[in-house]
PDB file of N, CA and C in Angstrom:
ATOM      1  N   UNK A   1     106.592 201.041  65.261  1.00  0.00           N
ATOM      2  CA  UNK A   1     107.948 201.534  65.498  1.00  0.00           C
ATOM      3  C   UNK A   1     108.139 202.821  64.703  1.00  0.00           C
ATOM      4  N   UNK A   2     108.864 203.785  65.257  1.00  0.00           N
ATOM      5  CA  UNK A   2     109.065 205.051  64.542  1.00  0.00           C
ATOM      6  C   UNK A   2     109.894 204.857  63.285  1.00  0.00           C
ATOM      7  N   UNK A   3     109.669 205.730  62.325  1.00  0.00           N
ATOM      8  CA  UNK A   3     110.455 205.688  61.100  1.00  0.00           C
ATOM      9  C   UNK A   3     111.746 206.465  61.270  1.00  0.00           C
ATOM     10  N   UNK A   4     112.481 206.588  60.188  1.00  0.00           N
ATOM     11  CA  UNK A   4     113.737 207.334  60.219  1.00  0.00           C
ATOM     12  C   UNK A   4     113.462 208.824  60.353  1.00  0.00           C
ATOM     13  N   UNK A   5     114.326 209.501  61.075  1.00  0.00           N
ATOM     14  CA  UNK A   5     114.191 210.946  61.219  1.00  0.00           C
ATOM     15  C   UNK A   5     115.331 211.612  60.448  1.00  0.00           C
ATOM     16  N   UNK A   6     116.528 211.474  60.936  1.00  0.00           N
ATOM     17  CA  UNK A   6     117.723 211.949  60.241  1.00  0.00           C
ATOM     18  C   UNK A   6     118.871 211.005  60.582  1.00  0.00           C
ATOM     19  N   UNK A   7     119.876 210.926  59.725  1.00  0.00           N
ATOM     20  CA  UNK A   7     121.028 210.077  60.044  1.00  0.00           C
ATOM     21  C   UNK A   7     121.767 210.600  61.273  1.00  0.00           C
ATOM     22  N   UNK A   8     122.218 209.699  62.112  1.00  0.00           N
ATOM     23  CA  UNK A   8     122.811 210.065  63.398  1.00  0.00           C
ATOM     24  C   UNK A   8     124.227 210.624  63.280  1.00  0.00           C
ATOM     25  N   UNK A   9     125.041 210.080  62.410  1.00  0.00           N
ATOM     26  CA  UNK A   9     126.455 210.469  62.326  1.00  0.00           C
ATOM     27  C   UNK A   9     126.739 211.334  61.101  1.00  0.00           C
ATOM     28  N   UNK A  10     125.952 212.355  60.886  1.00  0.00           N
ATOM     29  CA  UNK A  10     126.082 213.202  59.694  1.00  0.00           C
ATOM     30  C   UNK A  10     127.285 214.136  59.770  1.00  0.00           C
ATOM     31  N   UNK A  11     127.412 214.926  60.835  1.00  0.00           N
ATOM     32  CA  UNK A  11     128.527 215.849  60.992  1.00  0.00           C
ATOM     33  C   UNK A  11     128.410 217.139  60.209  1.00  0.00           C
ATOM     34  N   UNK A  12     127.319 217.338  59.498  1.00  0.00           N
ATOM     35  CA  UNK A  12     127.091 218.559  58.717  1.00  0.00           C
ATOM     36  C   UNK A  12     125.676 219.060  58.996  1.00  0.00           C
ATOM     37  N   UNK A  13     125.414 220.331  58.716  1.00  0.00           N
ATOM     38  CA  UNK A  13     124.047 220.834  58.911  1.00  0.00           C
ATOM     39  C   UNK A  13     123.074 220.127  57.958  1.00  0.00           C
ATOM     40  N   UNK A  14     121.869 219.931  58.426  1.00  0.00           N
ATOM     41  CA  UNK A  14     120.825 219.285  57.637  1.00  0.00           C
ATOM     42  C   UNK A  14     119.753 220.330  57.366  1.00  0.00           C
ATOM     43  N   UNK A  15     119.359 220.446  56.104  1.00  0.00           N
ATOM     44  CA  UNK A  15     118.353 221.432  55.716  1.00  0.00           C
ATOM     45  C   UNK A  15     116.956 220.817  55.826  1.00  0.00           C
ATOM     46  N   UNK A  16     116.045 221.575  56.448  1.00  0.00           N
ATOM     47  CA  UNK A  16     114.650 221.174  56.546  1.00  0.00           C
ATOM     48  C   UNK A  16     113.789 222.270  55.937  1.00  0.00           C
ATOM     49  N   UNK A  17     112.830 221.874  55.130  1.00  0.00           N
ATOM     50  CA  UNK A  17     111.825 222.793  54.586  1.00  0.00           C
ATOM     51  C   UNK A  17     110.475 222.312  55.112  1.00  0.00           C
ATOM     52  N   UNK A  18     110.085 222.839  56.260  1.00  0.00           N
ATOM     53  CA  UNK A  18     108.879 222.376  56.933  1.00  0.00           C
ATOM     54  C   UNK A  18     108.134 223.587  57.494  1.00  0.00           C
ATOM     55  N   UNK A  19     106.967 223.899  56.953  1.00  0.00           N
ATOM     56  CA  UNK A  19     106.229 225.078  57.410  1.00  0.00           C
ATOM     57  C   UNK A  19     105.506 224.886  58.739  1.00  0.00           C
ATOM     58  N   UNK A  20     105.531 223.680  59.307  1.00  0.00           N
ATOM     59  CA  UNK A  20     104.818 223.438  60.563  1.00  0.00           C
ATOM     60  C   UNK A  20     105.572 224.039  61.747  1.00  0.00           C
ATOM     61  N   UNK A  21     104.810 224.379  62.768  1.00  0.00           N
ATOM     62  CA  UNK A  21     105.366 224.895  64.011  1.00  0.00           C
ATOM     63  C   UNK A  21     105.194 223.831  65.082  1.00  0.00           C
ATOM     64  N   UNK A  22     106.273 223.501  65.812  1.00  0.00           N
ATOM     65  CA  UNK A  22     106.184 222.423  66.800  1.00  0.00           C
ATOM     66  C   UNK A  22     105.257 222.752  67.965  1.00  0.00           C
ATOM     67  N   UNK A  23     105.021 224.018  68.219  1.00  0.00           N
ATOM     68  CA  UNK A  23     104.200 224.401  69.360  1.00  0.00           C
ATOM     69  C   UNK A  23     102.725 224.592  69.005  1.00  0.00           C
ATOM     70  N   UNK A  24     102.421 224.740  67.711  1.00  0.00           N
ATOM     71  CA  UNK A  24     101.045 224.996  67.287  1.00  0.00           C
ATOM     72  C   UNK A  24     100.798 224.254  65.978  1.00  0.00           C
ATOM     73  N   UNK A  25     100.020 223.170  66.036  1.00  0.00           N
ATOM     74  CA  UNK A  25      99.762 222.348  64.845  1.00  0.00           C
ATOM     75  C   UNK A  25      99.085 223.120  63.717  1.00  0.00           C
ATOM     76  N   UNK A  26      98.307 224.134  64.050  1.00  0.00           N
ATOM     77  CA  UNK A  26      97.579 224.868  63.016  1.00  0.00           C
ATOM     78  C   UNK A  26      98.400 226.007  62.401  1.00  0.00           C
ATOM     79  N   UNK A  27      99.480 226.395  63.027  1.00  0.00           N
ATOM     80  CA  UNK A  27     100.299 227.513  62.512  1.00  0.00           C
ATOM     81  C   UNK A  27     101.138 227.051  61.322  1.00  0.00           C
ATOM     82  N   UNK A  28     101.357 227.939  60.386  1.00  0.00           N
ATOM     83  CA  UNK A  28     102.225 227.681  59.235  1.00  0.00           C
ATOM     84  C   UNK A  28     103.233 228.828  59.144  1.00  0.00           C
ATOM     85  N   UNK A  29     104.491 228.471  59.015  1.00  0.00           N
ATOM     86  CA  UNK A  29     105.572 229.452  58.990  1.00  0.00           C
ATOM     87  C   UNK A  29     105.820 229.938  57.570  1.00  0.00           C
ATOM     88  N   UNK A  30     106.016 231.242  57.418  1.00  0.00           N
ATOM     89  CA  UNK A  30     106.371 231.801  56.108  1.00  0.00           C
ATOM     90  C   UNK A  30     107.814 231.455  55.758  1.00  0.00           C
ATOM     91  N   UNK A  31     108.685 231.552  56.728  1.00  0.00           N
ATOM     92  CA  UNK A  31     110.102 231.218  56.537  1.00  0.00           C
ATOM     93  C   UNK A  31     110.322 229.815  57.093  1.00  0.00           C
ATOM     94  N   UNK A  32     110.142 228.830  56.242  1.00  0.00           N
ATOM     95  CA  UNK A  32     110.090 227.440  56.703  1.00  0.00           C
ATOM     96  C   UNK A  32     111.416 226.695  56.588  1.00  0.00           C
ATOM     97  N   UNK A  33     112.432 227.302  56.020  1.00  0.00           N
ATOM     98  CA  UNK A  33     113.718 226.617  55.864  1.00  0.00           C
ATOM     99  C   UNK A  33     114.561 226.797  57.116  1.00  0.00           C
ATOM    100  N   UNK A  34     115.018 225.678  57.670  1.00  0.00           N
ATOM    101  CA  UNK A  34     115.917 225.721  58.818  1.00  0.00           C
ATOM    102  C   UNK A  34     117.103 224.808  58.550  1.00  0.00           C
ATOM    103  N   UNK A  35     118.207 225.104  59.205  1.00  0.00           N
ATOM    104  CA  UNK A  35     119.386 224.252  59.160  1.00  0.00           C
ATOM    105  C   UNK A  35     119.648 223.790  60.582  1.00  0.00           C
ATOM    106  N   UNK A  36     119.750 222.483  60.731  1.00  0.00           N
ATOM    107  CA  UNK A  36     119.925 221.926  62.057  1.00  0.00           C
ATOM    108  C   UNK A  36     121.153 221.032  62.078  1.00  0.00           C
ATOM    109  N   UNK A  37     121.824 221.029  63.207  1.00  0.00           N
ATOM    110  CA  UNK A  37     123.047 220.242  63.376  1.00  0.00           C
ATOM    111  C   UNK A  37     122.776 219.100  64.334  1.00  0.00           C
ATOM    112  N   UNK A  38     123.252 217.956  63.979  1.00  0.00           N
ATOM    113  CA  UNK A  38     123.152 216.787  64.825  1.00  0.00           C
ATOM    114  C   UNK A  38     124.338 216.768  65.788  1.00  0.00           C
ATOM    115  N   UNK A  39     124.062 216.567  67.057  1.00  0.00           N
ATOM    116  CA  UNK A  39     125.118 216.447  68.062  1.00  0.00           C
ATOM    117  C   UNK A  39     124.894 215.154  68.815  1.00  0.00           C
ATOM    118  N   UNK A  40     125.593 214.081  68.423  1.00  0.00           N
ATOM    119  CA  UNK A  40     125.419 212.802  69.115  1.00  0.00           C
ATOM    120  C   UNK A  40     125.691 212.939  70.610  1.00  0.00           C
ATOM    121  N   UNK A  41     125.034 212.106  71.381  1.00  0.00           N
ATOM    122  CA  UNK A  41     125.162 212.159  72.832  1.00  0.00           C
ATOM    123  C   UNK A  41     126.620 212.056  73.273  1.00  0.00           C
ATOM    124  N   UNK A  42     127.382 211.178  72.651  1.00  0.00           N
ATOM    125  CA  UNK A  42     128.795 211.039  73.000  1.00  0.00           C
ATOM    126  C   UNK A  42     129.573 212.321  72.780  1.00  0.00           C
ATOM    127  N   UNK A  43     129.268 213.043  71.706  1.00  0.00           N
ATOM    128  CA  UNK A  43     129.935 214.322  71.420  1.00  0.00           C
ATOM    129  C   UNK A  43     129.632 215.356  72.508  1.00  0.00           C
ATOM    130  N   UNK A  44     128.388 215.397  72.951  1.00  0.00           N
ATOM    131  CA  UNK A  44     127.994 216.348  73.987  1.00  0.00           C
ATOM    132  C   UNK A  44     128.697 216.035  75.303  1.00  0.00           C
ATOM    133  N   UNK A  45     128.641 214.775  75.709  1.00  0.00           N
ATOM    134  CA  UNK A  45     129.262 214.378  76.979  1.00  0.00           C
ATOM    135  C   UNK A  45     130.773 214.585  76.930  1.00  0.00           C
ATOM    136  N   UNK A  46     131.414 214.166  75.839  1.00  0.00           N
ATOM    137  CA  UNK A  46     132.864 214.328  75.734  1.00  0.00           C
ATOM    138  C   UNK A  46     133.272 215.798  75.725  1.00  0.00           C
ATOM    139  N   UNK A  47     132.474 216.666  75.130  1.00  0.00           N
ATOM    140  CA  UNK A  47     132.776 218.104  75.139  1.00  0.00           C
ATOM    141  C   UNK A  47     132.802 218.640  76.559  1.00  0.00           C
ATOM    142  N   UNK A  48     131.875 218.187  77.387  1.00  0.00           N
ATOM    143  CA  UNK A  48     131.848 218.615  78.783  1.00  0.00           C
ATOM    144  C   UNK A  48     133.072 218.098  79.535  1.00  0.00           C
ATOM    145  N   UNK A  49     133.395 216.819  79.322  1.00  0.00           N
ATOM    146  CA  UNK A  49     134.542 216.223  80.008  1.00  0.00           C
ATOM    147  C   UNK A  49     135.861 216.855  79.555  1.00  0.00           C
ATOM    148  N   UNK A  50     135.979 217.176  78.272  1.00  0.00           N
ATOM    149  CA  UNK A  50     137.215 217.744  77.733  1.00  0.00           C
ATOM    150  C   UNK A  50     137.523 219.131  78.282  1.00  0.00           C
ATOM    151  N   UNK A  51     136.515 219.861  78.738  1.00  0.00           N
ATOM    152  CA  UNK A  51     136.764 221.174  79.342  1.00  0.00           C
ATOM    153  C   UNK A  51     136.851 221.075  80.859  1.00  0.00           C
ATOM    154  N   UNK A  52     136.938 219.854  81.379  1.00  0.00           N
ATOM    155  CA  UNK A  52     137.192 219.659  82.797  1.00  0.00           C
ATOM    156  C   UNK A  52     135.971 219.540  83.682  1.00  0.00           C
ATOM    157  N   UNK A  53     134.764 219.496  83.085  1.00  0.00           N
ATOM    158  CA  UNK A  53     133.575 219.331  83.902  1.00  0.00           C
ATOM    159  C   UNK A  53     133.433 217.865  84.307  1.00  0.00           C
ATOM    160  N   UNK A  54     132.805 217.640  85.437  1.00  0.00           N
ATOM    161  CA  UNK A  54     132.535 216.292  85.927  1.00  0.00           C
ATOM    162  C   UNK A  54     131.059 215.995  85.711  1.00  0.00           C
ATOM    163  N   UNK A  55     130.770 214.921  85.023  1.00  0.00           N
ATOM    164  CA  UNK A  55     129.388 214.527  84.783  1.00  0.00           C
ATOM    165  C   UNK A  55     128.832 213.905  86.062  1.00  0.00           C
ATOM    166  N   UNK A  56     127.779 214.507  86.601  1.00  0.00           N
ATOM    167  CA  UNK A  56     127.169 214.016  87.842  1.00  0.00           C
ATOM    168  C   UNK A  56     126.028 213.055  87.558  1.00  0.00           C
ATOM    169  N   UNK A  57     125.230 213.351  86.541  1.00  0.00           N
ATOM    170  CA  UNK A  57     124.172 212.431  86.147  1.00  0.00           C
ATOM    171  C   UNK A  57     123.729 212.707  84.714  1.00  0.00           C
ATOM    172  N   UNK A  58     123.128 211.686  84.120  1.00  0.00           N
ATOM    173  CA  UNK A  58     122.572 211.747  82.768  1.00  0.00           C
ATOM    174  C   UNK A  58     121.293 210.931  82.788  1.00  0.00           C
ATOM    175  N   UNK A  59     120.169 211.560  82.434  1.00  0.00           N
ATOM    176  CA  UNK A  59     118.869 210.883  82.438  1.00  0.00           C
ATOM    177  C   UNK A  59     118.248 210.981  81.045  1.00  0.00           C
ATOM    178  N   UNK A  60     117.610 209.909  80.629  1.00  0.00           N
ATOM    179  CA  UNK A  60     116.855 209.904  79.383  1.00  0.00           C
ATOM    180  C   UNK A  60     115.373 209.995  79.750  1.00  0.00           C
ATOM    181  N   UNK A  61     114.598 210.661  78.882  1.00  0.00           N
ATOM    182  CA  UNK A  61     113.180 210.888  79.173  1.00  0.00           C
ATOM    183  C   UNK A  61     112.310 210.349  78.053  1.00  0.00           C
ATOM    184  N   UNK A  62     111.176 209.770  78.432  1.00  0.00           N
ATOM    185  CA  UNK A  62     110.273 209.176  77.447  1.00  0.00           C
ATOM    186  C   UNK A  62     109.101 210.084  77.093  1.00  0.00           C
ATOM    187  N   UNK A  63     109.108 211.337  77.556  1.00  0.00           N
ATOM    188  CA  UNK A  63     108.018 212.257  77.240  1.00  0.00           C
ATOM    189  C   UNK A  63     108.552 213.675  77.073  1.00  0.00           C
ATOM    190  N   UNK A  64     107.735 214.489  76.393  1.00  0.00           N
ATOM    191  CA  UNK A  64     108.067 215.898  76.097  1.00  0.00           C
ATOM    192  C   UNK A  64     106.825 216.761  76.270  1.00  0.00           C
ATOM    193  N   UNK A  65     106.993 218.068  76.473  1.00  0.00           N
ATOM    194  CA  UNK A  65     105.834 218.957  76.574  1.00  0.00           C
ATOM    195  C   UNK A  65     105.264 219.378  75.214  1.00  0.00           C
ATOM    196  N   UNK A  66     105.844 218.943  74.105  1.00  0.00           N
ATOM    197  CA  UNK A  66     105.299 219.248  72.776  1.00  0.00           C
ATOM    198  C   UNK A  66     105.371 217.991  71.920  1.00  0.00           C
ATOM    199  N   UNK A  67     104.646 218.010  70.821  1.00  0.00           N
ATOM    200  CA  UNK A  67     104.541 216.853  69.926  1.00  0.00           C
ATOM    201  C   UNK A  67     105.661 216.898  68.894  1.00  0.00           C
ATOM    202  N   UNK A  68     106.761 216.251  69.210  1.00  0.00           N
ATOM    203  CA  UNK A  68     107.930 216.245  68.332  1.00  0.00           C
ATOM    204  C   UNK A  68     107.656 215.464  67.045  1.00  0.00           C
ATOM    205  N   UNK A  69     106.983 214.355  67.163  1.00  0.00           N
ATOM    206  CA  UNK A  69     106.644 213.510  66.023  1.00  0.00           C
ATOM    207  C   UNK A  69     105.131 213.351  65.972  1.00  0.00           C
ATOM    208  N   UNK A  70     104.587 213.238  64.779  1.00  0.00           N
ATOM    209  CA  UNK A  70     103.138 213.113  64.631  1.00  0.00           C
ATOM    210  C   UNK A  70     102.585 211.891  65.349  1.00  0.00           C
ATOM    211  N   UNK A  71     103.369 210.872  65.476  1.00  0.00           N
ATOM    212  CA  UNK A  71     102.911 209.628  66.103  1.00  0.00           C
ATOM    213  C   UNK A  71     102.748 209.737  67.625  1.00  0.00           C
ATOM    214  N   UNK A  72     103.355 210.712  68.243  1.00  0.00           N
ATOM    215  CA  UNK A  72     103.264 210.848  69.700  1.00  0.00           C
ATOM    216  C   UNK A  72     101.837 211.175  70.114  1.00  0.00           C
ATOM    217  N   UNK A  73     101.461 210.689  71.299  1.00  0.00           N
ATOM    218  CA  UNK A  73     100.128 210.969  71.837  1.00  0.00           C
ATOM    219  C   UNK A  73     100.267 211.729  73.157  1.00  0.00           C
ATOM    220  N   UNK A  74      99.252 212.512  73.456  1.00  0.00           N
ATOM    221  CA  UNK A  74      99.241 213.281  74.701  1.00  0.00           C
ATOM    222  C   UNK A  74      98.701 212.392  75.821  1.00  0.00           C
ATOM    223  N   UNK A  75      99.431 212.329  76.930  1.00  0.00           N
ATOM    224  CA  UNK A  75      98.996 211.497  78.054  1.00  0.00           C
ATOM    225  C   UNK A  75      98.175 212.323  79.050  1.00  0.00           C
ATOM    226  N   UNK A  76      97.803 211.700  80.164  1.00  0.00           N
ATOM    227  CA  UNK A  76      96.965 212.361  81.180  1.00  0.00           C
ATOM    228  C   UNK A  76      97.647 213.538  81.855  1.00  0.00           C
ATOM    229  N   UNK A  77      98.985 213.600  81.791  1.00  0.00           N
ATOM    230  CA  UNK A  77      99.720 214.706  82.414  1.00  0.00           C
ATOM    231  C   UNK A  77      99.943 215.864  81.455  1.00  0.00           C
ATOM    232  N   UNK A  78      99.520 215.689  80.181  1.00  0.00           N
ATOM    233  CA  UNK A  78      99.708 216.735  79.179  1.00  0.00           C
ATOM    234  C   UNK A  78     101.013 216.620  78.418  1.00  0.00           C
ATOM    235  N   UNK A  79     101.793 215.565  78.679  1.00  0.00           N
ATOM    236  CA  UNK A  79     103.052 215.354  77.962  1.00  0.00           C
ATOM    237  C   UNK A  79     102.828 214.404  76.798  1.00  0.00           C
ATOM    238  N   UNK A  80     103.722 214.488  75.797  1.00  0.00           N
ATOM    239  CA  UNK A  80     103.632 213.630  74.622  1.00  0.00           C
ATOM    240  C   UNK A  80     104.614 212.482  74.746  1.00  0.00           C
ATOM    241  N   UNK A  81     104.161 211.300  74.344  1.00  0.00           N
ATOM    242  CA  UNK A  81     104.990 210.093  74.431  1.00  0.00           C
ATOM    243  C   UNK A  81     104.612 209.140  73.303  1.00  0.00           C
ATOM    244  N   UNK A  82     105.391 208.073  73.158  1.00  0.00           N
ATOM    245  CA  UNK A  82     105.081 207.043  72.167  1.00  0.00           C
ATOM    246  C   UNK A  82     103.766 206.377  72.546  1.00  0.00           C
ATOM    247  N   UNK A  83     102.930 205.986  71.565  1.00  0.00           N
ATOM    248  CA  UNK A  83     101.596 205.460  71.871  1.00  0.00           C
ATOM    249  C   UNK A  83     101.582 204.085  72.536  1.00  0.00           C
ATOM    250  N   UNK A  84     102.460 203.175  72.172  1.00  0.00           N
ATOM    251  CA  UNK A  84     102.364 201.829  72.711  1.00  0.00           C
ATOM    252  C   UNK A  84     103.488 201.482  73.685  1.00  0.00           C
ATOM    253  N   UNK A  85     104.680 201.916  73.388  1.00  0.00           N
ATOM    254  CA  UNK A  85     105.815 201.703  74.288  1.00  0.00           C
ATOM    255  C   UNK A  85     106.909 202.709  73.943  1.00  0.00           C
ATOM    256  N   UNK A  86     107.797 203.007  74.883  1.00  0.00           N
ATOM    257  CA  UNK A  86     108.870 203.973  74.576  1.00  0.00           C
ATOM    258  C   UNK A  86     109.933 203.330  73.690  1.00  0.00           C
ATOM    259  N   UNK A  87     109.927 203.685  72.393  1.00  0.00           N
ATOM    260  CA  UNK A  87     110.863 203.104  71.420  1.00  0.00           C
ATOM    261  C   UNK A  87     112.286 203.577  71.661  1.00  0.00           C
ATOM    262  N   UNK A  88     112.426 204.843  71.924  1.00  0.00           N
ATOM    263  CA  UNK A  88     113.720 205.429  72.263  1.00  0.00           C
ATOM    264  C   UNK A  88     113.444 206.731  73.000  1.00  0.00           C
ATOM    265  N   UNK A  89     114.434 207.255  73.719  1.00  0.00           N
ATOM    266  CA  UNK A  89     114.197 208.480  74.498  1.00  0.00           C
ATOM    267  C   UNK A  89     113.855 209.667  73.596  1.00  0.00           C
ATOM    268  N   UNK A  90     112.984 210.512  74.081  1.00  0.00           N
ATOM    269  CA  UNK A  90     112.612 211.726  73.367  1.00  0.00           C
ATOM    270  C   UNK A  90     113.428 212.920  73.837  1.00  0.00           C
ATOM    271  N   UNK A  91     114.053 212.802  74.993  1.00  0.00           N
ATOM    272  CA  UNK A  91     114.853 213.900  75.539  1.00  0.00           C
ATOM    273  C   UNK A  91     115.856 213.322  76.532  1.00  0.00           C
ATOM    274  N   UNK A  92     116.832 214.127  76.874  1.00  0.00           N
ATOM    275  CA  UNK A  92     117.736 213.759  77.955  1.00  0.00           C
ATOM    276  C   UNK A  92     118.093 215.001  78.736  1.00  0.00           C
ATOM    277  N   UNK A  93     118.521 214.798  79.957  1.00  0.00           N
ATOM    278  CA  UNK A  93     119.015 215.902  80.773  1.00  0.00           C
ATOM    279  C   UNK A  93     120.292 215.421  81.452  1.00  0.00           C
ATOM    280  N   UNK A  94     121.153 216.369  81.764  1.00  0.00           N
ATOM    281  CA  UNK A  94     122.389 216.005  82.440  1.00  0.00           C
ATOM    282  C   UNK A  94     122.806 217.109  83.380  1.00  0.00           C
ATOM    283  N   UNK A  95     123.679 216.738  84.287  1.00  0.00           N
ATOM    284  CA  UNK A  95     124.256 217.738  85.191  1.00  0.00           C
ATOM    285  C   UNK A  95     125.763 217.539  85.176  1.00  0.00           C
ATOM    286  N   UNK A  96     126.466 218.615  84.924  1.00  0.00           N
ATOM    287  CA  UNK A  96     127.922 218.600  84.930  1.00  0.00           C
ATOM    288  C   UNK A  96     128.393 219.763  85.790  1.00  0.00           C
ATOM    289  N   UNK A  97     129.459 219.533  86.543  1.00  0.00           N
ATOM    290  CA  UNK A  97     129.978 220.555  87.454  1.00  0.00           C
ATOM    291  C   UNK A  97     131.464 220.748  87.232  1.00  0.00           C
ATOM    292  N   UNK A  98     131.899 221.951  87.558  1.00  0.00           N
ATOM    293  CA  UNK A  98     133.341 222.209  87.588  1.00  0.00           C
ATOM    294  C   UNK A  98     133.918 221.526  88.815  1.00  0.00           C
ATOM    295  N   UNK A  99     135.061 220.919  88.658  1.00  0.00           N
ATOM    296  CA  UNK A  99     135.745 220.302  89.797  1.00  0.00           C
ATOM    297  C   UNK A  99     136.250 221.395  90.734  1.00  0.00           C
ATOM    298  N   UNK A 100     136.356 221.105  92.031  1.00  0.00           N
ATOM    299  CA  UNK A 100     136.806 222.129  92.987  1.00  0.00           C
ATOM    300  C   UNK A 100     138.158 222.745  92.618  1.00  0.00           C
ATOM    301  N   UNK A 101     139.069 221.980  92.039  1.00  0.00           N
ATOM    302  CA  UNK A 101     140.380 222.525  91.685  1.00  0.00           C
ATOM    303  C   UNK A 101     140.298 223.544  90.566  1.00  0.00           C
ATOM    304  N   UNK A 102     139.201 223.537  89.799  1.00  0.00           N
ATOM    305  CA  UNK A 102     139.028 224.517  88.717  1.00  0.00           C
ATOM    306  C   UNK A 102     138.429 225.823  89.215  1.00  0.00           C
ATOM    307  N   UNK A 103     137.984 225.859  90.457  1.00  0.00           N
ATOM    308  CA  UNK A 103     137.284 227.045  90.955  1.00  0.00           C
ATOM    309  C   UNK A 103     138.168 227.925  91.830  1.00  0.00           C
ATOM    310  N   UNK A 104     139.470 227.747  91.768  1.00  0.00           N
ATOM    311  CA  UNK A 104     140.391 228.531  92.594  1.00  0.00           C
ATOM    312  C   UNK A 104     140.190 230.023  92.363  1.00  0.00           C
ATOM    313  N   UNK A 105     139.983 230.433  91.127  1.00  0.00           N
ATOM    314  CA  UNK A 105     139.836 231.854  90.803  1.00  0.00           C
ATOM    315  C   UNK A 105     138.384 232.323  90.870  1.00  0.00           C
ATOM    316  N   UNK A 106     137.472 231.432  91.178  1.00  0.00           N
ATOM    317  CA  UNK A 106     136.065 231.811  91.212  1.00  0.00           C
ATOM    318  C   UNK A 106     135.606 231.999  92.646  1.00  0.00           C
ATOM    319  N   UNK A 107     134.691 232.928  92.843  1.00  0.00           N
ATOM    320  CA  UNK A 107     134.158 233.177  94.180  1.00  0.00           C
ATOM    321  C   UNK A 107     133.064 232.181  94.540  1.00  0.00           C
ATOM    322  N   UNK A 108     132.543 231.467  93.577  1.00  0.00           N
ATOM    323  CA  UNK A 108     131.497 230.489  93.827  1.00  0.00           C
ATOM    324  C   UNK A 108     131.675 229.301  92.890  1.00  0.00           C
ATOM    325  N   UNK A 109     131.033 228.230  93.244  1.00  0.00           N
ATOM    326  CA  UNK A 109     131.095 227.032  92.418  1.00  0.00           C
ATOM    327  C   UNK A 109     129.956 227.085  91.406  1.00  0.00           C
ATOM    328  N   UNK A 110     130.279 227.029  90.130  1.00  0.00           N
ATOM    329  CA  UNK A 110     129.269 227.095  89.082  1.00  0.00           C
ATOM    330  C   UNK A 110     128.787 225.695  88.736  1.00  0.00           C
ATOM    331  N   UNK A 111     127.508 225.607  88.446  1.00  0.00           N
ATOM    332  CA  UNK A 111     126.905 224.336  88.051  1.00  0.00           C
ATOM    333  C   UNK A 111     126.189 224.534  86.726  1.00  0.00           C
ATOM    334  N   UNK A 112     126.343 223.595  85.838  1.00  0.00           N
ATOM    335  CA  UNK A 112     125.682 223.623  84.542  1.00  0.00           C
ATOM    336  C   UNK A 112     124.671 222.490  84.497  1.00  0.00           C
ATOM    337  N   UNK A 113     123.428 222.810  84.263  1.00  0.00           N
ATOM    338  CA  UNK A 113     122.403 221.794  84.100  1.00  0.00           C
ATOM    339  C   UNK A 113     121.752 222.009  82.747  1.00  0.00           C
ATOM    340  N   UNK A 114     121.693 220.958  81.952  1.00  0.00           N
ATOM    341  CA  UNK A 114     121.101 221.020  80.624  1.00  0.00           C
ATOM    342  C   UNK A 114     119.909 220.088  80.543  1.00  0.00           C
ATOM    343  N   UNK A 115     118.877 220.519  79.880  1.00  0.00           N
ATOM    344  CA  UNK A 115     117.761 219.651  79.540  1.00  0.00           C
ATOM    345  C   UNK A 115     117.506 219.878  78.070  1.00  0.00           C
ATOM    346  N   UNK A 116     117.837 218.898  77.267  1.00  0.00           N
ATOM    347  CA  UNK A 116     117.830 219.072  75.822  1.00  0.00           C
ATOM    348  C   UNK A 116     116.867 218.091  75.177  1.00  0.00           C
ATOM    349  N   UNK A 117     115.855 218.596  74.468  1.00  0.00           N
ATOM    350  CA  UNK A 117     114.977 217.683  73.748  1.00  0.00           C
ATOM    351  C   UNK A 117     115.777 216.914  72.704  1.00  0.00           C
ATOM    352  N   UNK A 118     115.412 215.677  72.494  1.00  0.00           N
ATOM    353  CA  UNK A 118     116.124 214.852  71.527  1.00  0.00           C
ATOM    354  C   UNK A 118     116.092 215.478  70.150  1.00  0.00           C
ATOM    355  N   UNK A 119     114.989 216.149  69.773  1.00  0.00           N
ATOM    356  CA  UNK A 119     114.934 216.755  68.437  1.00  0.00           C
ATOM    357  C   UNK A 119     116.034 217.803  68.295  1.00  0.00           C
ATOM    358  N   UNK A 120     116.260 218.609  69.338  1.00  0.00           N
ATOM    359  CA  UNK A 120     117.336 219.586  69.280  1.00  0.00           C
ATOM    360  C   UNK A 120     118.674 218.887  69.301  1.00  0.00           C
ATOM    361  N   UNK A 121     118.740 217.819  70.041  1.00  0.00           N
ATOM    362  CA  UNK A 121     119.964 217.047  70.150  1.00  0.00           C
ATOM    363  C   UNK A 121     120.259 216.351  68.829  1.00  0.00           C
ATOM    364  N   UNK A 122     119.195 215.943  68.107  1.00  0.00           N
ATOM    365  CA  UNK A 122     119.387 215.314  66.808  1.00  0.00           C
ATOM    366  C   UNK A 122     119.630 216.335  65.722  1.00  0.00           C
ATOM    367  N   UNK A 123     119.110 217.545  65.917  1.00  0.00           N
ATOM    368  CA  UNK A 123     119.204 218.491  64.831  1.00  0.00           C
ATOM    369  C   UNK A 123     119.798 219.758  65.166  1.00  0.00           C
TER     370      UNK A 123
END
């Protein structure tokens, strides 16, 4: 089972001092300090609803194109996932749209589609 990453309901930026690069295991960053903000899933969804968007779908994903955690393994498709079973989602995607009544002043209907890795969503 995965260990703790960061507390979920922090509400403040979290400081990380990590010289590793998520895209290249051998790379080391000179400027390794980052500040990341946790945005719980409920906060993200409610923010969309509060500005009048309609949530059309929300999907959770058990794989990513990069190795977010050291424990993840690369599968036959080149994606990273939990080695024995999916403990929790690694990413989610959603689709939210403006309601037709909000588009009176717009010449077209705008659609917002987000695909957010859980690490970004957590931090």
